[in-house]
Amino acid sequence: MVVPVLAAVLIVAALAVGVVGVLAATQRLPRNRVIGVRTGWTMARIDAFRRANRVAAPAFTGAGALGLVAGVGALLAPVPAAAVTLLVVGGLGLLVLLGVGGTVGGRYAEADRVATLEAENRPAQPCSIPVPDDGCGPEASSCAGSCAICPRSSS
């Protein structure tokens, strides 16, 4: 009785992940705060969100396919031990592939952020031009924290 319920949960989760993977691969995944690769950079720029999720899409789609095969296999398994094994392996595989996709997409997003900011001739790191301490608080930078106006350091 428990195996069919768990198999159904795995199948539904796998279908959801697979749909996300297909939408990400076709760049039709809307930017949102729930699904997909969500970093500060990808949430700030729609083009970065689409590119990072397109990179992660094969892992998302693979996770969905693995979960679907494992869930259906568990439903059709003649031996309960085989069904439980399929559910465990399928569920863990789905989670691992989701993690791989998120990691790959996040790393791509960071590389994209650095490349984009360098192409725009803006510093990729926070401003670090020191201003002498006037005794009023912590040392500040000459650009008041705004990297958009902060000149590149000439080191």
N, C-alpha and C. Protein backbone atom coordinates (compact mmCIF):
# COMPACT_ATOMS: atom_id res chain seq x y z
N MET A 1 0.82 -1.20 0.00
CA MET A 1 0.00 0.00 0.00
C MET A 1 0.86 1.26 0.00
N VAL A 2 1.99 1.23 0.69
CA VAL A 2 2.86 2.40 0.77
C VAL A 2 3.63 2.59 -0.53
N VAL A 3 4.06 1.51 -1.15
CA VAL A 3 4.88 1.61 -2.37
C VAL A 3 4.14 2.34 -3.49
N PRO A 4 2.88 2.02 -3.79
CA PRO A 4 2.21 2.77 -4.87
C PRO A 4 2.08 4.27 -4.58
N VAL A 5 1.87 4.63 -3.33
CA VAL A 5 1.76 6.05 -2.98
C VAL A 5 3.11 6.75 -3.18
N LEU A 6 4.18 6.12 -2.68
CA LEU A 6 5.51 6.71 -2.87
C LEU A 6 5.90 6.77 -4.34
N ALA A 7 5.53 5.73 -5.09
CA ALA A 7 5.81 5.73 -6.53
C ALA A 7 5.06 6.87 -7.22
N ALA A 8 3.82 7.09 -6.83
CA ALA A 8 3.04 8.18 -7.43
C ALA A 8 3.66 9.53 -7.09
N VAL A 9 4.12 9.69 -5.85
CA VAL A 9 4.78 10.95 -5.47
C VAL A 9 6.05 11.16 -6.29
N LEU A 10 6.83 10.09 -6.46
CA LEU A 10 8.06 10.20 -7.26
C LEU A 10 7.74 10.53 -8.72
N ILE A 11 6.70 9.92 -9.25
CA ILE A 11 6.31 10.19 -10.64
C ILE A 11 5.88 11.64 -10.82
N VAL A 12 5.08 12.15 -9.90
CA VAL A 12 4.62 13.55 -9.99
C VAL A 12 5.81 14.51 -9.87
N ALA A 13 6.70 14.24 -8.93
CA ALA A 13 7.88 15.09 -8.77
C ALA A 13 8.76 15.03 -10.02
N ALA A 14 8.92 13.84 -10.57
CA ALA A 14 9.74 13.67 -11.77
C ALA A 14 9.14 14.41 -12.96
N LEU A 15 7.83 14.35 -13.09
CA LEU A 15 7.18 15.07 -14.19
C LEU A 15 7.36 16.58 -14.03
N ALA A 16 7.24 17.07 -12.81
CA ALA A 16 7.43 18.51 -12.56
C ALA A 16 8.86 18.93 -12.90
N VAL A 17 9.84 18.14 -12.46
CA VAL A 17 11.24 18.47 -12.74
C VAL A 17 11.52 18.36 -14.24
N GLY A 18 10.95 17.37 -14.89
CA GLY A 18 11.13 17.21 -16.33
C GLY A 18 10.56 18.38 -17.10
N VAL A 19 9.39 18.86 -16.70
CA VAL A 19 8.78 20.01 -17.37
C VAL A 19 9.66 21.25 -17.17
N VAL A 20 10.19 21.44 -15.97
CA VAL A 20 11.10 22.56 -15.72
C VAL A 20 12.32 22.44 -16.64
N GLY A 21 12.87 21.24 -16.78
CA GLY A 21 14.02 21.03 -17.64
C GLY A 21 13.73 21.37 -19.09
N VAL A 22 12.58 20.94 -19.57
CA VAL A 22 12.21 21.23 -20.97
C VAL A 22 11.98 22.73 -21.15
N LEU A 23 11.28 23.36 -20.22
CA LEU A 23 11.07 24.80 -20.32
C LEU A 23 12.39 25.57 -20.27
N ALA A 24 13.31 25.11 -19.42
CA ALA A 24 14.61 25.78 -19.32
C ALA A 24 15.41 25.59 -20.61
N ALA A 25 15.36 24.39 -21.18
CA ALA A 25 16.10 24.12 -22.41
C ALA A 25 15.60 24.96 -23.57
N THR A 26 14.30 25.21 -23.60
CA THR A 26 13.72 26.01 -24.68
C THR A 26 13.65 27.49 -24.35
N GLN A 27 14.22 27.87 -23.21
CA GLN A 27 14.25 29.25 -22.72
C GLN A 27 12.85 29.83 -22.54
N ARG A 28 11.91 28.98 -22.14
CA ARG A 28 10.54 29.42 -21.88
C ARG A 28 10.20 29.37 -20.39
N LEU A 29 11.18 29.07 -19.55
CA LEU A 29 10.96 29.05 -18.11
C LEU A 29 10.90 30.49 -17.62
N PRO A 30 9.76 30.92 -17.07
CA PRO A 30 9.67 32.31 -16.61
C PRO A 30 10.52 32.52 -15.36
N ARG A 31 11.12 33.68 -15.27
CA ARG A 31 11.91 34.01 -14.08
C ARG A 31 10.96 34.07 -12.89
N ASN A 32 11.33 33.38 -11.83
CA ASN A 32 10.47 33.27 -10.66
C ASN A 32 11.33 33.02 -9.43
N ARG A 33 10.74 32.99 -8.28
CA ARG A 33 11.48 32.78 -7.03
C ARG A 33 11.33 31.37 -6.49
N VAL A 34 10.83 30.43 -7.29
CA VAL A 34 10.57 29.09 -6.79
C VAL A 34 11.40 28.03 -7.51
N ILE A 35 11.41 28.04 -8.82
CA ILE A 35 12.08 26.98 -9.58
C ILE A 35 13.15 27.55 -10.49
N GLY A 36 14.14 26.71 -10.81
CA GLY A 36 15.22 27.10 -11.70
C GLY A 36 16.44 27.55 -10.91
N VAL A 37 17.45 27.98 -11.66
CA VAL A 37 18.69 28.48 -11.05
C VAL A 37 18.45 29.92 -10.64
N ARG A 38 18.48 30.17 -9.33
CA ARG A 38 18.17 31.49 -8.80
C ARG A 38 19.35 31.99 -7.99
N THR A 39 20.12 32.89 -8.58
CA THR A 39 21.20 33.57 -7.86
C THR A 39 20.88 35.06 -7.93
N GLY A 40 21.66 35.86 -7.24
CA GLY A 40 21.45 37.30 -7.31
C GLY A 40 21.53 37.82 -8.73
N TRP A 41 22.48 37.28 -9.47
CA TRP A 41 22.69 37.72 -10.86
C TRP A 41 21.55 37.28 -11.76
N THR A 42 21.12 36.02 -11.64
CA THR A 42 20.06 35.52 -12.53
C THR A 42 18.72 36.18 -12.21
N MET A 43 18.53 36.55 -10.95
CA MET A 43 17.28 37.22 -10.61
C MET A 43 17.30 38.69 -11.01
N ALA A 44 18.47 39.24 -11.21
CA ALA A 44 18.58 40.65 -11.60
C ALA A 44 18.43 40.84 -13.11
N ARG A 45 18.76 39.81 -13.89
CA ARG A 45 18.75 39.95 -15.34
C ARG A 45 18.06 38.75 -15.97
N ILE A 46 17.04 39.00 -16.75
CA ILE A 46 16.27 37.92 -17.37
C ILE A 46 17.13 37.12 -18.33
N ASP A 47 18.03 37.77 -19.06
CA ASP A 47 18.88 37.04 -20.00
C ASP A 47 19.83 36.10 -19.25
N ALA A 48 20.33 36.51 -18.10
CA ALA A 48 21.20 35.66 -17.29
C ALA A 48 20.41 34.48 -16.73
N PHE A 49 19.17 34.70 -16.33
CA PHE A 49 18.31 33.62 -15.83
C PHE A 49 18.10 32.57 -16.92
N ARG A 50 17.81 33.03 -18.11
CA ARG A 50 17.57 32.09 -19.22
C ARG A 50 18.83 31.30 -19.58
N ARG A 51 19.97 31.98 -19.64
CA ARG A 51 21.21 31.29 -20.01
C ARG A 51 21.61 30.27 -18.94
N ALA A 52 21.56 30.65 -17.67
CA ALA A 52 21.96 29.74 -16.60
C ALA A 52 21.05 28.52 -16.55
N ASN A 53 19.77 28.72 -16.75
CA ASN A 53 18.84 27.59 -16.72
C ASN A 53 18.96 26.72 -17.96
N ARG A 54 19.34 27.32 -19.08
CA ARG A 54 19.57 26.51 -20.28
C ARG A 54 20.77 25.58 -20.07
N VAL A 55 21.78 26.07 -19.37
CA VAL A 55 22.96 25.24 -19.06
C VAL A 55 22.57 24.11 -18.10
N ALA A 56 21.70 24.39 -17.16
CA ALA A 56 21.28 23.39 -16.17
C ALA A 56 20.20 22.44 -16.70
N ALA A 57 19.59 22.77 -17.81
CA ALA A 57 18.44 22.01 -18.33
C ALA A 57 18.72 20.52 -18.56
N PRO A 58 19.88 20.12 -19.11
CA PRO A 58 20.08 18.68 -19.30
C PRO A 58 20.05 17.89 -17.99
N ALA A 59 20.60 18.44 -16.92
CA ALA A 59 20.56 17.75 -15.63
C ALA A 59 19.13 17.72 -15.09
N PHE A 60 18.38 18.80 -15.26
CA PHE A 60 16.99 18.82 -14.80
C PHE A 60 16.15 17.80 -15.57
N THR A 61 16.33 17.78 -16.88
CA THR A 61 15.58 16.84 -17.70
C THR A 61 15.98 15.40 -17.38
N GLY A 62 17.26 15.16 -17.18
CA GLY A 62 17.72 13.82 -16.81
C GLY A 62 17.18 13.40 -15.46
N ALA A 63 17.11 14.33 -14.52
CA ALA A 63 16.54 14.03 -13.20
C ALA A 63 15.08 13.63 -13.33
N GLY A 64 14.35 14.35 -14.15
CA GLY A 64 12.94 14.01 -14.38
C GLY A 64 12.78 12.65 -15.02
N ALA A 65 13.61 12.35 -16.01
CA ALA A 65 13.53 11.05 -16.69
C ALA A 65 13.89 9.91 -15.74
N LEU A 66 14.94 10.10 -14.95
CA LEU A 66 15.34 9.07 -14.00
C LEU A 66 14.24 8.81 -12.97
N GLY A 67 13.68 9.86 -12.43
CA GLY A 67 12.60 9.71 -11.45
C GLY A 67 11.37 9.05 -12.04
N LEU A 68 11.05 9.40 -13.28
CA LEU A 68 9.89 8.81 -13.94
C LEU A 68 10.10 7.31 -14.17
N VAL A 69 11.26 6.95 -14.69
CA VAL A 69 11.56 5.53 -14.92
C VAL A 69 11.54 4.75 -13.61
N ALA A 70 12.14 5.31 -12.57
CA ALA A 70 12.16 4.62 -11.28
C ALA A 70 10.77 4.49 -10.69
N GLY A 71 9.95 5.53 -10.79
CA GLY A 71 8.58 5.47 -10.26
C GLY A 71 7.72 4.46 -10.98
N VAL A 72 7.78 4.47 -12.31
CA VAL A 72 7.01 3.49 -13.08
C VAL A 72 7.54 2.09 -12.83
N GLY A 73 8.85 1.94 -12.77
CA GLY A 73 9.43 0.63 -12.47
C GLY A 73 9.01 0.11 -11.12
N ALA A 74 8.92 0.99 -10.13
CA ALA A 74 8.48 0.58 -8.80
C ALA A 74 7.02 0.13 -8.81
N LEU A 75 6.20 0.79 -9.60
CA LEU A 75 4.80 0.36 -9.71
C LEU A 75 4.67 -1.01 -10.36
N LEU A 76 5.55 -1.29 -11.31
CA LEU A 76 5.47 -2.54 -12.06
C LEU A 76 6.31 -3.66 -11.46
N ALA A 77 7.10 -3.37 -10.45
CA ALA A 77 8.00 -4.38 -9.87
C ALA A 77 7.19 -5.49 -9.19
N PRO A 78 7.53 -6.74 -9.51
CA PRO A 78 6.78 -7.85 -8.92
C PRO A 78 7.17 -8.12 -7.46
N VAL A 79 8.36 -7.68 -7.05
CA VAL A 79 8.85 -7.95 -5.70
C VAL A 79 8.89 -6.61 -4.94
N PRO A 80 8.31 -6.55 -3.74
CA PRO A 80 8.32 -5.29 -2.99
C PRO A 80 9.72 -4.75 -2.71
N ALA A 81 10.68 -5.64 -2.48
CA ALA A 81 12.04 -5.17 -2.21
C ALA A 81 12.62 -4.46 -3.44
N ALA A 82 12.33 -4.94 -4.63
CA ALA A 82 12.79 -4.29 -5.86
C ALA A 82 12.11 -2.93 -6.02
N ALA A 83 10.83 -2.85 -5.67
CA ALA A 83 10.11 -1.59 -5.77
C ALA A 83 10.70 -0.55 -4.82
N VAL A 84 11.00 -0.97 -3.60
CA VAL A 84 11.59 -0.05 -2.62
C VAL A 84 12.97 0.40 -3.09
N THR A 85 13.75 -0.52 -3.62
CA THR A 85 15.08 -0.18 -4.13
C THR A 85 14.97 0.84 -5.26
N LEU A 86 14.03 0.62 -6.17
CA LEU A 86 13.84 1.57 -7.27
C LEU A 86 13.42 2.95 -6.76
N LEU A 87 12.56 2.97 -5.77
CA LEU A 87 12.12 4.24 -5.22
C LEU A 87 13.27 5.00 -4.56
N VAL A 88 14.09 4.29 -3.79
CA VAL A 88 15.21 4.94 -3.11
C VAL A 88 16.24 5.44 -4.13
N VAL A 89 16.61 4.57 -5.05
CA VAL A 89 17.61 4.95 -6.06
C VAL A 89 17.07 6.07 -6.95
N GLY A 90 15.82 5.96 -7.36
CA GLY A 90 15.22 7.00 -8.21
C GLY A 90 15.11 8.34 -7.50
N GLY A 91 14.68 8.31 -6.24
CA GLY A 91 14.56 9.55 -5.48
C GLY A 91 15.91 10.21 -5.23
N LEU A 92 16.89 9.40 -4.83
CA LEU A 92 18.24 9.95 -4.61
C LEU A 92 18.85 10.45 -5.92
N GLY A 93 18.66 9.69 -6.98
CA GLY A 93 19.18 10.11 -8.29
C GLY A 93 18.57 11.43 -8.74
N LEU A 94 17.27 11.57 -8.52
CA LEU A 94 16.59 12.81 -8.88
C LEU A 94 17.18 13.98 -8.10
N LEU A 95 17.37 13.80 -6.80
CA LEU A 95 17.93 14.87 -5.98
C LEU A 95 19.37 15.20 -6.36
N VAL A 96 20.17 14.17 -6.63
CA VAL A 96 21.57 14.41 -7.00
C VAL A 96 21.65 15.16 -8.32
N LEU A 97 20.86 14.75 -9.30
CA LEU A 97 20.89 15.44 -10.60
C LEU A 97 20.37 16.87 -10.49
N LEU A 98 19.39 17.09 -9.62
CA LEU A 98 18.94 18.46 -9.39
C LEU A 98 20.07 19.31 -8.80
N GLY A 99 20.80 18.73 -7.87
CA GLY A 99 21.94 19.44 -7.29
C GLY A 99 23.03 19.73 -8.30
N VAL A 100 23.30 18.76 -9.16
CA VAL A 100 24.30 18.96 -10.21
C VAL A 100 23.86 20.08 -11.15
N GLY A 101 22.60 20.05 -11.55
CA GLY A 101 22.09 21.10 -12.44
C GLY A 101 22.17 22.47 -11.79
N GLY A 102 21.80 22.55 -10.52
CA GLY A 102 21.87 23.83 -9.81
C GLY A 102 23.29 24.33 -9.67
N THR A 103 24.22 23.42 -9.39
CA THR A 103 25.62 23.80 -9.25
C THR A 103 26.20 24.27 -10.57
N VAL A 104 25.94 23.53 -11.62
CA VAL A 104 26.45 23.91 -12.95
C VAL A 104 25.84 25.23 -13.38
N GLY A 105 24.54 25.39 -13.19
CA GLY A 105 23.89 26.64 -13.56
C GLY A 105 24.39 27.82 -12.73
N GLY A 106 24.61 27.59 -11.43
CA GLY A 106 25.13 28.66 -10.57
C GLY A 106 26.53 29.08 -10.94
N ARG A 107 27.37 28.10 -11.26
CA ARG A 107 28.74 28.43 -11.69
C ARG A 107 28.74 29.16 -13.02
N TYR A 108 27.87 28.74 -13.92
CA TYR A 108 27.76 29.44 -15.20
C TYR A 108 27.29 30.88 -14.97
N ALA A 109 26.32 31.06 -14.07
CA ALA A 109 25.80 32.40 -13.79
C ALA A 109 26.91 33.30 -13.24
N GLU A 110 27.75 32.76 -12.36
CA GLU A 110 28.85 33.56 -11.81
C GLU A 110 29.85 33.95 -12.90
N ALA A 111 30.20 33.00 -13.77
CA ALA A 111 31.12 33.30 -14.87
C ALA A 111 30.49 34.31 -15.82
N ASP A 112 29.20 34.20 -16.04
CA ASP A 112 28.48 35.13 -16.90
C ASP A 112 28.47 36.53 -16.28
N ARG A 113 28.29 36.60 -14.97
CA ARG A 113 28.29 37.89 -14.27
C ARG A 113 29.64 38.59 -14.42
N VAL A 114 30.72 37.85 -14.18
CA VAL A 114 32.05 38.43 -14.27
C VAL A 114 32.33 38.89 -15.70
N ALA A 115 32.01 38.04 -16.68
CA ALA A 115 32.26 38.39 -18.08
C ALA A 115 31.43 39.60 -18.51
N THR A 116 30.18 39.65 -18.10
CA THR A 116 29.32 40.77 -18.48
C THR A 116 29.81 42.07 -17.87
N LEU A 117 30.16 42.04 -16.60
CA LEU A 117 30.63 43.26 -15.95
C LEU A 117 31.97 43.72 -16.53
N GLU A 118 32.84 42.78 -16.86
CA GLU A 118 34.11 43.16 -17.49
C GLU A 118 33.86 43.75 -18.87
N ALA A 119 32.91 43.18 -19.61
CA ALA A 119 32.60 43.72 -20.94
C ALA A 119 32.01 45.12 -20.84
N GLU A 120 31.31 45.40 -19.76
CA GLU A 120 30.74 46.73 -19.53
C GLU A 120 31.73 47.66 -18.85
N ASN A 121 32.96 47.18 -18.64
CA ASN A 121 34.04 47.94 -18.01
C ASN A 121 33.66 48.38 -16.60
N ARG A 122 32.98 47.46 -15.88
CA ARG A 122 32.63 47.70 -14.49
C ARG A 122 33.33 46.64 -13.65
N PRO A 123 33.72 46.96 -12.43
CA PRO A 123 34.40 45.97 -11.61
C PRO A 123 33.47 44.82 -11.23
N ALA A 124 34.01 43.61 -11.27
CA ALA A 124 33.22 42.44 -10.91
C ALA A 124 33.17 42.23 -9.41
N GLN A 125 34.10 42.83 -8.68
CA GLN A 125 34.15 42.71 -7.23
C GLN A 125 33.66 44.02 -6.61
N PRO A 126 33.27 43.99 -5.35
CA PRO A 126 32.84 45.23 -4.70
C PRO A 126 33.95 46.28 -4.72
N CYS A 127 33.56 47.52 -4.66
CA CYS A 127 34.52 48.61 -4.69
C CYS A 127 35.50 48.51 -3.54
N SER A 128 36.74 48.84 -3.81
CA SER A 128 37.75 48.70 -2.76
C SER A 128 38.73 49.87 -2.75
N ILE A 129 38.31 51.02 -3.20
CA ILE A 129 39.19 52.19 -3.15
C ILE A 129 38.98 52.85 -1.80
N PRO A 130 39.98 52.79 -0.91
CA PRO A 130 39.77 53.30 0.45
C PRO A 130 39.79 54.82 0.52
N VAL A 131 39.05 55.32 1.48
CA VAL A 131 39.02 56.74 1.80
C VAL A 131 39.56 56.86 3.22
N PRO A 132 40.39 57.85 3.50
CA PRO A 132 40.93 57.98 4.86
C PRO A 132 39.80 58.04 5.89
N ASP A 133 40.05 57.39 7.02
CA ASP A 133 39.08 57.36 8.10
C ASP A 133 39.03 58.72 8.77
N ASP A 134 37.83 59.31 8.82
CA ASP A 134 37.69 60.61 9.46
C ASP A 134 37.22 60.49 10.90
N GLY A 135 37.22 59.26 11.44
CA GLY A 135 36.84 59.03 12.81
C GLY A 135 35.35 58.89 13.02
N CYS A 136 34.57 58.94 11.95
CA CYS A 136 33.12 58.87 12.08
C CYS A 136 32.58 57.44 11.95
N GLY A 137 33.39 56.48 11.67
CA GLY A 137 32.88 55.12 11.52
C GLY A 137 33.85 54.28 10.74
N PRO A 138 33.38 53.16 10.26
CA PRO A 138 34.28 52.29 9.50
C PRO A 138 34.74 52.96 8.21
N GLU A 139 35.87 52.48 7.74
CA GLU A 139 36.45 53.03 6.52
C GLU A 139 35.49 52.81 5.36
N ALA A 140 35.25 53.84 4.57
CA ALA A 140 34.32 53.76 3.44
C ALA A 140 35.10 53.80 2.13
N SER A 141 34.42 53.58 1.06
CA SER A 141 35.07 53.68 -0.24
C SER A 141 34.65 54.98 -0.90
N SER A 142 35.45 55.40 -1.87
CA SER A 142 35.20 56.68 -2.52
C SER A 142 33.95 56.65 -3.39
N CYS A 143 33.43 55.47 -3.67
CA CYS A 143 32.25 55.40 -4.51
C CYS A 143 30.99 55.14 -3.69
N ALA A 144 31.09 55.20 -2.40
CA ALA A 144 29.95 55.04 -1.49
C ALA A 144 29.22 53.72 -1.72
N GLY A 145 29.94 52.71 -2.14
CA GLY A 145 29.35 51.38 -2.31
C GLY A 145 28.69 51.14 -3.63
N SER A 146 28.66 52.13 -4.50
CA SER A 146 28.01 51.94 -5.78
C SER A 146 29.04 51.57 -6.84
N CYS A 147 29.07 50.32 -7.23
CA CYS A 147 30.07 49.88 -8.20
C CYS A 147 29.80 50.44 -9.59
N ALA A 148 28.59 50.93 -9.82
CA ALA A 148 28.29 51.50 -11.13
C ALA A 148 29.12 52.76 -11.37
N ILE A 149 29.48 53.47 -10.30
CA ILE A 149 30.27 54.69 -10.48
C ILE A 149 31.70 54.54 -9.99
N CYS A 150 32.02 53.37 -9.46
CA CYS A 150 33.34 53.15 -8.90
C CYS A 150 34.36 52.94 -10.04
N PRO A 151 35.43 53.69 -10.06
CA PRO A 151 36.45 53.48 -11.08
C PRO A 151 37.22 52.19 -10.79
N ARG A 152 37.76 51.59 -11.83
CA ARG A 152 38.60 50.41 -11.65
C ARG A 152 39.88 50.81 -10.95
N SER A 153 40.31 49.98 -10.02
CA SER A 153 41.58 50.26 -9.37
C SER A 153 42.70 49.99 -10.37
N SER A 154 43.78 50.72 -10.28
CA SER A 154 44.86 50.60 -11.25
C SER A 154 46.00 49.76 -10.71
N SER A 155 45.68 48.68 -9.96
CA SER A 155 46.75 47.84 -9.43
C SER A 155 47.14 46.75 -10.37
